N, C-alpha and C. Protein backbone atom coordinates (compact mmCIF):
# COMPACT_ATOMS: atom_id res chain seq x y z
N UNK A 1 -15.51 4.23 14.96
CA UNK A 1 -15.00 4.88 15.38
C UNK A 1 -13.40 3.89 16.59
N UNK A 2 -12.74 4.92 16.18
CA UNK A 2 -11.22 4.26 16.04
C UNK A 2 -10.38 4.86 17.33
N UNK A 3 -9.65 3.82 18.31
CA UNK A 3 -9.66 4.05 20.16
C UNK A 3 -8.28 5.09 19.95
N UNK A 4 -8.02 5.97 20.92
CA UNK A 4 -5.99 6.74 20.44
C UNK A 4 -6.14 5.80 21.78
N UNK A 5 -4.65 6.10 22.02
CA UNK A 5 -3.57 5.30 22.77
C UNK A 5 -2.66 6.40 22.62
N UNK A 6 -1.60 6.63 23.93
CA UNK A 6 -0.34 7.26 24.22
C UNK A 6 0.60 6.20 23.67
N UNK A 7 1.94 6.94 23.36
CA UNK A 7 2.33 5.56 23.14
C UNK A 7 3.32 4.85 24.26
N UNK A 8 3.20 5.92 25.11
CA UNK A 8 3.82 4.65 25.87
C UNK A 8 2.78 3.59 26.86
N UNK A 9 0.88 4.11 27.00
CA UNK A 9 0.48 2.80 26.53
C UNK A 9 0.64 1.91 25.76
N UNK A 10 0.47 2.00 24.02
CA UNK A 10 1.16 1.10 23.41
C UNK A 10 1.99 0.22 23.33
N UNK A 11 2.72 0.97 24.17
CA UNK A 11 4.63 0.38 24.33
C UNK A 11 4.38 -0.81 25.28
N UNK A 12 2.77 -0.64 26.02
CA UNK A 12 3.00 -1.35 27.81
C UNK A 12 1.76 -2.83 27.30
N UNK A 13 1.03 -2.28 26.05
CA UNK A 13 0.03 -2.80 26.22
C UNK A 13 0.19 -3.46 24.23
N UNK A 14 1.21 -3.82 23.95
CA UNK A 14 0.97 -3.68 22.78
C UNK A 14 0.16 -4.78 21.29
N UNK A 15 0.20 -6.10 22.40
CA UNK A 15 -0.81 -7.29 21.95
C UNK A 15 -1.48 -7.59 22.41
N UNK A 16 -1.84 -6.96 23.26
CA UNK A 16 -3.51 -6.90 24.18
C UNK A 16 -3.25 -5.70 22.66
N UNK A 17 -3.65 -4.87 22.57
CA UNK A 17 -4.02 -3.51 20.68
C UNK A 17 -4.04 -4.63 19.44
N UNK A 18 -2.52 -4.99 19.40
CA UNK A 18 -3.18 -6.19 18.46
C UNK A 18 -4.57 -6.47 17.65
N UNK A 19 -4.89 -7.69 19.52
CA UNK A 19 -5.62 -8.57 19.38
C UNK A 19 -7.38 -8.06 19.19
N UNK A 20 -6.79 -6.70 19.48
CA UNK A 20 -8.47 -5.63 19.27
C UNK A 20 -8.23 -5.37 18.72
N UNK A 21 -7.15 -5.04 17.60
CA UNK A 21 -7.87 -4.88 16.26
C UNK A 21 -8.26 -5.94 15.91
N UNK A 22 -7.39 -6.62 15.93
CA UNK A 22 -8.21 -8.07 15.19
C UNK A 22 -9.41 -8.85 15.34
N UNK A 23 -9.77 -8.73 16.67
CA UNK A 23 -10.75 -9.13 16.64
C UNK A 23 -12.46 -7.19 16.59
N UNK A 24 -11.61 -6.94 16.63
CA UNK A 24 -12.74 -6.06 16.38
C UNK A 24 -13.07 -5.29 15.45
N UNK A 25 -11.74 -5.27 14.58
CA UNK A 25 -11.26 -4.80 13.03
C UNK A 25 -10.89 -3.61 13.74
N UNK A 26 -11.65 -2.56 13.72
CA UNK A 26 -11.45 -0.68 14.66
C UNK A 26 -9.89 -1.03 14.47
N UNK A 27 -9.29 0.29 13.45
CA UNK A 27 -8.08 0.64 13.97
C UNK A 27 -7.48 0.91 15.14
N UNK A 28 -6.65 1.56 15.24
CA UNK A 28 -5.92 2.26 17.06
C UNK A 28 -4.78 2.62 16.48
N UNK A 29 -5.17 4.46 17.11
CA UNK A 29 -4.54 5.59 16.88
C UNK A 29 -3.22 5.57 17.88
N UNK A 30 -2.03 5.53 17.35
CA UNK A 30 -0.85 6.13 18.85
C UNK A 30 -1.09 6.66 18.27
N UNK A 31 -0.90 7.84 19.07
CA UNK A 31 -0.29 9.69 19.34
C UNK A 31 1.07 9.42 20.49
N UNK A 32 1.06 10.99 19.87
CA UNK A 32 2.43 11.28 20.51
C UNK A 32 2.36 12.66 21.01
N UNK A 33 2.59 13.11 22.50
CA UNK A 33 2.08 15.05 22.73
C UNK A 33 1.15 14.92 22.30
N UNK A 34 0.00 13.57 22.12
CA UNK A 34 -1.44 13.93 21.90
C UNK A 34 -1.69 13.90 20.77
N UNK A 35 -0.73 14.18 19.66
CA UNK A 35 -1.03 14.17 18.27
C UNK A 35 -0.79 12.93 17.78
N UNK A 36 -2.01 12.83 16.80
CA UNK A 36 -2.16 11.01 16.09
C UNK A 36 -0.57 10.71 15.06
N UNK A 37 0.20 9.80 15.35
CA UNK A 37 0.96 9.44 14.23
C UNK A 37 0.98 8.55 14.10
N UNK A 38 0.33 6.95 15.17
CA UNK A 38 0.89 6.05 13.56
C UNK A 38 -1.08 6.01 13.64
N UNK A 39 -1.58 4.25 13.32
CA UNK A 39 -2.62 3.93 13.10
C UNK A 39 -1.90 2.29 12.35
N UNK A 40 -3.31 1.94 13.60
CA UNK A 40 -2.40 -0.08 13.90
C UNK A 40 -4.49 -0.28 13.12
N UNK A 41 -4.49 -1.55 11.69
CA UNK A 41 -5.81 -1.59 11.80
C UNK A 41 -4.95 -3.31 10.76
N UNK A 42 -6.55 -3.95 10.18
CA UNK A 42 -6.40 -4.87 10.14
C UNK A 42 -5.75 -5.04 8.67
N UNK A 43 -5.18 -6.19 8.28
CA UNK A 43 -4.97 -6.06 6.68
C UNK A 43 -5.71 -6.72 6.13
N UNK A 44 -6.01 -5.78 4.76
CA UNK A 44 -6.63 -6.51 4.34
C UNK A 44 -6.31 -6.17 1.86
N UNK A 45 -5.53 -7.23 1.71
CA UNK A 45 -4.57 -7.14 0.59
C UNK A 45 -5.83 -6.96 -0.99
N UNK A 46 -5.12 -6.71 -1.40
CA UNK A 46 -5.45 -6.03 -2.90
C UNK A 46 -6.04 -7.17 -3.68
N UNK A 47 -7.28 -7.25 -3.99
CA UNK A 47 -7.91 -8.25 -4.43
C UNK A 47 -8.14 -7.62 -6.18
N UNK A 48 -7.54 -6.80 -6.96
CA UNK A 48 -6.84 -6.31 -7.84
C UNK A 48 -6.76 -7.28 -9.08
N UNK A 49 -7.00 -7.20 -10.12
CA UNK A 49 -6.12 -7.76 -10.80
C UNK A 49 -5.33 -7.10 -11.72
N UNK A 50 -4.20 -8.24 -12.28
CA UNK A 50 -2.31 -7.33 -12.05
C UNK A 50 -2.82 -6.66 -13.48
N UNK A 51 -3.86 -6.84 -14.51
CA UNK A 51 -3.87 -6.65 -15.86
C UNK A 51 -4.01 -5.14 -15.86
N UNK A 52 -5.08 -4.96 -15.13
CA UNK A 52 -6.37 -3.95 -14.24
C UNK A 52 -4.96 -2.30 -14.28
N UNK A 53 -4.16 -2.83 -13.57
CA UNK A 53 -2.37 -1.60 -12.95
C UNK A 53 -1.99 -1.22 -14.32
N UNK A 54 -2.23 -1.95 -16.03
CA UNK A 54 -1.60 -1.89 -16.93
C UNK A 54 -3.01 -1.03 -17.96
N UNK A 55 -3.66 -1.39 -17.54
CA UNK A 55 -4.78 -0.82 -18.10
C UNK A 55 -5.35 0.66 -18.73
N UNK A 56 -5.36 1.32 -20.13
CA UNK A 56 -4.85 2.31 -20.46
C UNK A 56 -3.48 2.76 -20.57
N UNK A 57 -2.31 2.41 -20.26
CA UNK A 57 -0.86 2.68 -20.29
C UNK A 57 -0.60 2.49 -20.91
N UNK A 58 -1.25 2.12 -22.45
CA UNK A 58 -0.31 1.55 -23.69
C UNK A 58 -1.31 2.85 -24.11
N UNK A 59 -1.00 3.53 -25.30
CA UNK A 59 -2.07 4.78 -25.38
C UNK A 59 -2.45 4.52 -27.72
N UNK A 60 -1.16 4.19 -28.40
CA UNK A 60 -0.92 3.67 -28.76
C UNK A 60 0.30 3.47 -29.55
N UNK A 61 -0.38 2.13 -30.88
CA UNK A 61 1.46 1.61 -31.31
C UNK A 61 1.05 1.15 -33.15
N UNK A 62 1.37 2.10 -33.32
CA UNK A 62 1.44 1.61 -34.48
C UNK A 62 1.23 0.15 -35.07
N UNK A 63 2.21 0.12 -35.49
CA UNK A 63 3.89 -1.07 -35.67
C UNK A 63 4.12 -1.82 -34.94
N UNK A 64 3.45 -2.55 -34.77
CA UNK A 64 3.77 -3.73 -33.28
C UNK A 64 4.82 -4.35 -34.13
N UNK A 65 4.76 -4.78 -35.19
CA UNK A 65 5.83 -6.17 -35.95
C UNK A 65 6.77 -5.32 -36.37
N UNK A 66 7.49 -3.61 -36.75
CA UNK A 66 8.63 -3.37 -37.56
C UNK A 66 9.81 -3.55 -36.28
N UNK A 67 10.84 -3.44 -36.50
CA UNK A 67 11.79 -3.49 -36.14
C UNK A 67 11.99 -2.24 -35.33
N UNK A 68 12.95 -2.34 -34.27
CA UNK A 68 12.65 -1.15 -32.94
C UNK A 68 13.94 -1.07 -33.80
N UNK A 69 13.98 0.42 -33.66
CA UNK A 69 15.54 1.48 -33.97
C UNK A 69 16.56 0.80 -35.22
N UNK A 70 15.32 0.80 -35.94
CA UNK A 70 16.40 -0.22 -37.42
C UNK A 70 17.65 0.25 -37.57
N UNK A 71 17.22 2.28 -37.95
CA UNK A 71 17.87 3.77 -38.20
C UNK A 71 19.84 3.30 -37.44
N UNK A 72 19.40 2.80 -35.83
CA UNK A 72 19.94 3.08 -34.99
C UNK A 72 21.61 1.75 -34.94
N UNK A 73 21.13 1.43 -36.03
CA UNK A 73 22.81 -0.11 -36.14
C UNK A 73 22.95 0.17 -36.50
N UNK A 74 24.47 -0.15 -37.28
CA UNK A 74 25.32 -0.07 -37.69
C UNK A 74 25.77 -1.86 -38.57
N UNK A 75 25.91 -1.85 -39.23
CA UNK A 75 26.65 -2.99 -39.73
C UNK A 75 28.32 -2.87 -39.43
N UNK A 76 29.43 -3.69 -39.07
CA UNK A 76 31.30 -3.92 -38.97
C UNK A 76 31.20 -4.32 -40.02
């Protein structure tokens, strides 16, 4: 369950709320006129392998050793 505070309350006690988020791990939602606008939560780094991002992006490559754009070049 996250704590909700108004912008004015957050401004007055921002460091307190930061410490609360660090210790409890629970997010704090900052509201503006009763509407949620921001969520302050602990940082969690992505532990994903960078090559996993590229996995499946090359669908088919017929001849990887063939010259690229061979017909586009003209000799002077």
